[in-house]
Amino acid sequence: MATPEQDSSTLQFDAANFMLPATNFVSLRAGMTFNAFTLEPFIDNLLDTHVVTNYNFSIDPGTGNSRLMRDFTFRPRTYGLTFTWHQ
């Protein structure tokens, strides 16, 4: 179903709007406990996906015509290690 911005019969219609594609986001996390501490390696965005997840337009308040489109996407692949100490 189209949003009002995508429906040409509404006053909010904007031909520059488009439907966002489906996304996949894969994360891995594992952990091991050794007596009083836990180690958990992780990887977020394992496939390093950069599909557009959202967007918006800025409008020049002076003219109302100049537009800049900003895209938003997932953060690049991130990996690390979580260390927890239990007392």
Protein backbone atom coordinates (compact mmCIF):
# COMPACT_ATOMS: atom_id res chain seq x y z
CA MET A 1 0.00 0.00 0.00
CA ALA A 2 1.36 3.40 -0.94
CA THR A 3 1.90 6.14 1.60
CA PRO A 4 0.30 9.57 1.01
CA GLU A 5 3.65 10.82 -0.31
CA GLN A 6 3.60 8.05 -2.93
CA ASP A 7 -0.09 8.31 -3.87
CA SER A 8 -0.50 10.71 -6.82
CA SER A 9 -4.10 11.49 -5.82
CA THR A 10 -3.04 13.24 -2.58
CA LEU A 11 -1.65 16.73 -1.96
CA GLN A 12 1.36 15.16 -0.21
CA PHE A 13 2.46 13.31 -3.36
CA ASP A 14 6.15 13.61 -4.27
CA ALA A 15 7.39 11.82 -7.41
CA ALA A 16 10.89 11.51 -5.89
CA ASN A 17 9.68 9.15 -3.14
CA PHE A 18 10.24 5.43 -3.60
CA MET A 19 9.54 2.17 -1.78
CA LEU A 20 12.40 0.82 0.30
CA PRO A 21 13.73 -2.66 -0.55
CA ALA A 22 13.64 -5.60 1.84
CA THR A 23 16.62 -5.83 4.18
CA ASN A 24 18.61 -8.58 5.88
CA PHE A 25 20.82 -7.98 8.89
CA VAL A 26 22.92 -10.84 10.28
CA SER A 27 24.66 -10.76 13.65
CA LEU A 28 26.69 -13.45 15.41
CA ARG A 29 27.51 -13.73 19.09
CA ALA A 30 29.04 -16.59 21.05
CA GLY A 31 30.22 -16.84 24.61
CA MET A 32 32.19 -18.90 27.07
CA THR A 33 32.32 -18.69 30.85
CA PHE A 34 35.56 -19.37 32.74
CA ASN A 35 34.95 -19.37 36.50
CA ALA A 36 34.52 -15.66 37.34
CA PHE A 37 34.57 -14.15 33.83
CA THR A 38 32.79 -14.44 30.51
CA LEU A 39 34.17 -13.78 27.00
CA GLU A 40 31.75 -13.08 24.14
CA PRO A 41 33.07 -12.39 20.62
CA PHE A 42 30.52 -10.78 18.28
CA ILE A 43 30.06 -9.59 14.71
CA ASP A 44 27.24 -7.19 13.72
CA ASN A 45 26.24 -6.81 10.05
CA LEU A 46 28.14 -9.96 9.14
CA LEU A 47 27.34 -9.60 5.41
CA ASP A 48 28.39 -5.89 5.45
CA THR A 49 25.01 -4.89 3.96
CA HIS A 50 24.67 -1.27 2.79
CA VAL A 51 21.07 -1.26 1.50
CA VAL A 52 19.13 2.00 2.05
CA THR A 53 16.96 1.59 5.17
CA ASN A 54 15.48 5.12 5.16
CA TYR A 55 15.84 8.46 3.39
CA ASN A 56 14.67 12.05 3.58
CA PHE A 57 14.93 15.29 1.68
CA SER A 58 16.05 18.69 2.85
CA ILE A 59 14.43 21.72 1.21
CA ASP A 60 16.04 25.12 0.76
CA PRO A 61 13.83 27.38 2.90
CA GLY A 62 14.65 30.36 0.64
CA THR A 63 13.44 28.92 -2.66
CA GLY A 64 11.74 25.66 -1.70
CA ASN A 65 13.22 24.07 -4.83
CA SER A 66 16.74 22.94 -3.98
CA ARG A 67 16.70 19.45 -2.44
CA LEU A 68 19.35 17.22 -0.98
CA MET A 69 18.50 13.55 -0.50
CA ARG A 70 20.01 11.85 2.55
CA ASP A 71 20.22 8.05 2.65
CA PHE A 72 20.45 6.00 5.83
CA THR A 73 21.88 2.49 5.96
CA PHE A 74 23.17 -0.08 8.43
CA ARG A 75 26.43 0.59 10.24
CA PRO A 76 29.34 -1.20 8.50
CA ARG A 77 30.46 -4.63 9.73
CA THR A 78 31.46 -4.30 13.37
CA TYR A 79 33.26 -6.88 15.45
CA GLY A 80 34.52 -7.00 18.98
CA LEU A 81 34.80 -8.81 22.26
CA THR A 82 32.71 -8.38 25.39
CA PHE A 83 34.47 -9.24 28.65
CA THR A 84 32.44 -9.59 31.87
CA TRP A 85 33.88 -10.17 35.36
CA HIS A 86 31.58 -11.79 37.97
CA GLN A 87 32.36 -11.47 41.68
